[in-house]
């Protein structure tokens, strides 16, 4: 199991090398491998699914054009995530939108809904409280500073490690840990009163 990331990274390196040597079909394999994850990532910024797909496609095009200069200092998908995030940010800026357009999907509250103290209740009050929890999480994440919001999204919604997030955001791991800690603290502070009502 521990070798799995290394196998994936080695496969990516091999495919990148093939692309850099002129094999366009190797890039198609990278797109197929990562398109779902990149679209999901972009969807966190862009509400309209068709726009999100366009932005993801644009990110893949930018990555393809930049691939000759890719040195492999970070994992390919970490580099690709950084390009996708920047492409989404640039899109939002060009449309004069704010990042607070981001909304948490109801499934993203799954870990809260699966908490033992909240299980087994189908009452209207329970369902209303779940709505309150989801709305609270949405509001807190919407109002986080941009760097904290991106860090918590990559950790909680994309499942990236602290090292991967640090590479993606181009800052030290300690900074990432601090941002995620503060984001979780902000969420907990708003959630505790709701959980105390149960």
Protein backbone atom coordinates (compact mmCIF):
# COMPACT_ATOMS: atom_id res chain seq x y z
CA UNK A 1 0.00 0.00 0.00
CA UNK A 2 2.82 2.38 0.85
CA UNK A 3 4.29 1.92 -2.63
CA UNK A 4 1.10 3.08 -4.36
CA UNK A 5 1.90 6.83 -4.39
CA UNK A 6 5.42 6.02 -5.66
CA UNK A 7 4.00 3.86 -8.46
CA UNK A 8 1.58 6.63 -9.43
CA UNK A 9 4.29 9.28 -9.33
CA UNK A 10 6.63 7.09 -11.40
CA UNK A 11 3.88 6.47 -13.97
CA UNK A 12 3.27 10.23 -14.17
CA UNK A 13 7.00 10.89 -14.58
CA UNK A 14 7.18 8.36 -17.40
CA UNK A 15 4.16 9.88 -19.14
CA UNK A 16 5.52 13.41 -18.72
CA UNK A 17 8.84 12.33 -20.20
CA UNK A 18 7.02 10.82 -23.18
CA UNK A 19 5.06 14.05 -23.69
CA UNK A 20 8.26 16.07 -23.50
CA UNK A 21 9.69 13.80 -26.20
CA UNK A 22 6.72 14.59 -28.48
CA UNK A 23 4.25 11.79 -27.65
CA UNK A 24 0.90 13.62 -27.49
CA UNK A 25 -1.02 10.42 -26.70
CA UNK A 26 0.84 10.22 -23.36
CA UNK A 27 -0.72 13.55 -22.36
CA UNK A 28 -4.17 12.15 -23.21
CA UNK A 29 -3.50 9.46 -20.60
CA UNK A 30 -2.63 12.11 -17.99
CA UNK A 31 -5.82 14.03 -18.84
CA UNK A 32 -7.93 10.87 -18.51
CA UNK A 33 -6.24 10.06 -15.20
CA UNK A 34 -6.78 13.49 -13.62
CA UNK A 35 -9.71 15.13 -15.41
CA UNK A 36 -12.31 14.08 -12.81
CA UNK A 37 -10.22 15.36 -9.89
CA UNK A 38 -9.42 18.63 -11.65
CA UNK A 39 -13.08 19.24 -12.56
CA UNK A 40 -14.05 18.57 -8.93
CA UNK A 41 -11.39 21.01 -7.76
CA UNK A 42 -12.53 23.74 -10.17
CA UNK A 43 -16.16 23.11 -9.18
CA UNK A 44 -15.25 24.33 -5.70
CA UNK A 45 -14.64 27.77 -7.22
CA UNK A 46 -17.01 27.91 -10.18
CA UNK A 47 -20.69 27.18 -9.55
CA UNK A 48 -21.71 26.59 -13.15
CA UNK A 49 -20.72 22.99 -14.12
CA UNK A 50 -20.27 23.81 -17.81
CA UNK A 51 -18.05 26.78 -16.95
CA UNK A 52 -16.10 24.60 -14.53
CA UNK A 53 -15.48 22.07 -17.31
CA UNK A 54 -14.25 24.86 -19.59
CA UNK A 55 -11.90 26.12 -16.88
CA UNK A 56 -10.61 22.60 -16.24
CA UNK A 57 -9.99 22.15 -19.97
CA UNK A 58 -8.17 25.49 -20.05
CA UNK A 59 -6.01 24.32 -17.13
CA UNK A 60 -5.09 21.15 -19.02
CA UNK A 61 -4.19 23.22 -22.10
CA UNK A 62 -2.01 25.55 -20.00
CA UNK A 63 -0.34 22.54 -18.39
CA UNK A 64 0.33 20.97 -21.79
CA UNK A 65 1.94 24.18 -23.05
CA UNK A 66 4.04 24.49 -19.89
CA UNK A 67 5.03 20.82 -19.77
CA UNK A 68 8.29 21.28 -21.72
CA UNK A 69 9.49 23.40 -18.76
CA UNK A 70 8.23 20.97 -16.07
CA UNK A 71 11.32 19.85 -14.14
CA UNK A 72 9.62 17.38 -11.80
CA UNK A 73 10.52 19.25 -8.60
CA UNK A 74 7.02 18.39 -7.37
CA UNK A 75 4.63 15.60 -8.30
CA UNK A 76 2.87 16.14 -11.63
CA UNK A 77 -0.62 16.27 -10.09
CA UNK A 78 0.51 18.80 -7.48
CA UNK A 79 1.82 20.99 -10.30
CA UNK A 80 -1.40 20.44 -12.26
CA UNK A 81 -3.55 21.34 -9.21
CA UNK A 82 -1.62 24.60 -8.85
CA UNK A 83 -2.32 25.44 -12.50
CA UNK A 84 -6.02 24.56 -12.08
CA UNK A 85 -6.38 26.71 -8.96
CA UNK A 86 -4.66 29.65 -10.64
CA UNK A 87 -6.81 29.25 -13.75
CA UNK A 88 -9.98 29.25 -11.64
CA UNK A 89 -8.77 32.31 -9.69
CA UNK A 90 -7.96 34.16 -12.90
CA UNK A 91 -11.39 33.32 -14.29
CA UNK A 92 -13.10 34.66 -11.17
CA UNK A 93 -11.00 37.83 -11.22
CA UNK A 94 -11.73 38.39 -14.89
CA UNK A 95 -15.45 38.13 -14.16
CA UNK A 96 -15.10 40.40 -11.11
CA UNK A 97 -16.46 37.69 -8.89
CA UNK A 98 -15.47 37.03 -5.34
CA UNK A 99 -14.23 33.70 -4.06
CA UNK A 100 -17.13 33.68 -1.64
CA UNK A 101 -19.22 32.27 -4.50
CA UNK A 102 -17.79 28.93 -3.37
CA UNK A 103 -20.37 26.73 -1.67
CA UNK A 104 -19.92 23.55 0.29
CA UNK A 105 -21.76 20.63 -1.26
CA UNK A 106 -24.07 18.80 1.15
CA UNK A 107 -21.87 15.68 0.87
CA UNK A 108 -18.95 17.72 2.20
CA UNK A 109 -20.68 17.83 5.58
CA UNK A 110 -20.62 14.02 5.62
CA UNK A 111 -18.02 13.80 8.37
CA UNK A 112 -20.19 15.99 10.61
CA UNK A 113 -23.37 14.08 9.75
CA UNK A 114 -21.59 10.81 10.55
CA UNK A 115 -20.62 12.01 14.02
CA UNK A 116 -21.99 9.52 16.61
CA UNK A 117 -23.92 12.20 18.51
CA UNK A 118 -25.86 13.05 15.34
CA UNK A 119 -26.72 9.54 14.11
CA UNK A 120 -30.13 7.87 14.10
CA UNK A 121 -32.31 10.95 14.18
CA UNK A 122 -34.83 11.50 11.41
CA UNK A 123 -36.90 14.12 13.16
CA UNK A 124 -37.62 17.47 11.47
CA UNK A 125 -35.62 19.14 14.24
CA UNK A 126 -32.62 16.93 13.47
CA UNK A 127 -32.89 17.57 9.73
CA UNK A 128 -33.19 21.31 10.37
CA UNK A 129 -30.13 21.17 12.61
CA UNK A 130 -28.21 19.40 9.81
CA UNK A 131 -29.20 22.21 7.45
CA UNK A 132 -27.96 24.69 10.05
CA UNK A 133 -24.66 22.81 10.30
CA UNK A 134 -24.17 22.77 6.51
CA UNK A 135 -25.10 26.46 6.26
CA UNK A 136 -22.74 27.31 9.10
CA UNK A 137 -19.85 25.45 7.43
CA UNK A 138 -20.62 27.19 4.13
CA UNK A 139 -20.67 30.60 5.77
CA UNK A 140 -17.46 30.06 7.74
CA UNK A 141 -15.57 28.77 4.68
CA UNK A 142 -16.95 31.60 2.55
CA UNK A 143 -15.60 34.13 5.03
CA UNK A 144 -12.15 32.60 5.58
CA UNK A 145 -9.19 34.48 4.16
CA UNK A 146 -8.31 33.11 0.71
CA UNK A 147 -5.14 31.23 1.74
CA UNK A 148 -6.91 29.51 4.65
CA UNK A 149 -9.91 28.65 2.46
CA UNK A 150 -7.74 27.04 -0.23
CA UNK A 151 -5.71 25.08 2.35
CA UNK A 152 -8.78 23.66 4.12
CA UNK A 153 -10.45 22.82 0.80
CA UNK A 154 -7.41 20.94 -0.49
CA UNK A 155 -7.08 19.06 2.81
CA UNK A 156 -10.70 18.23 3.59
CA UNK A 157 -12.32 18.05 0.14
CA UNK A 158 -9.42 16.92 -2.06
CA UNK A 159 -7.72 14.72 0.55
CA UNK A 160 -4.26 16.12 -0.16
CA UNK A 161 -1.44 15.67 2.36
CA UNK A 162 0.14 18.65 4.10
CA UNK A 163 3.25 18.23 1.93
CA UNK A 164 1.17 18.20 -1.27
CA UNK A 165 -0.74 21.30 -0.18
CA UNK A 166 2.54 23.04 0.69
CA UNK A 167 3.86 22.28 -2.80
CA UNK A 168 0.61 23.37 -4.43
CA UNK A 169 0.46 26.64 -2.50
CA UNK A 170 4.23 27.13 -2.65
CA UNK A 171 4.78 27.71 1.06
CA UNK A 172 6.24 25.80 4.06
CA UNK A 173 4.37 22.82 5.55
CA UNK A 174 4.27 24.61 8.92
CA UNK A 175 2.36 27.49 7.33
CA UNK A 176 -0.15 25.02 5.85
CA UNK A 177 -0.62 23.30 9.22
CA UNK A 178 -1.24 26.68 10.83
CA UNK A 179 -3.77 27.75 8.16
CA UNK A 180 -5.69 24.48 8.40
CA UNK A 181 -5.65 24.59 12.20
CA UNK A 182 -7.03 28.15 12.20
CA UNK A 183 -9.68 27.25 9.60
CA UNK A 184 -10.83 24.25 11.65
CA UNK A 185 -10.82 26.40 14.78
CA UNK A 186 -13.07 28.96 13.05
CA UNK A 187 -15.47 26.21 11.94
CA UNK A 188 -15.51 24.58 15.40
CA UNK A 189 -16.19 27.91 17.10
CA UNK A 190 -19.36 28.37 15.03
CA UNK A 191 -20.46 24.72 15.20
CA UNK A 192 -20.16 24.16 18.95
CA UNK A 193 -23.25 26.25 19.83
CA UNK A 194 -25.30 24.26 17.30
CA UNK A 195 -24.07 20.91 18.62
CA UNK A 196 -24.78 22.01 22.21
CA UNK A 197 -28.46 22.54 21.29
CA UNK A 198 -29.03 18.86 20.54
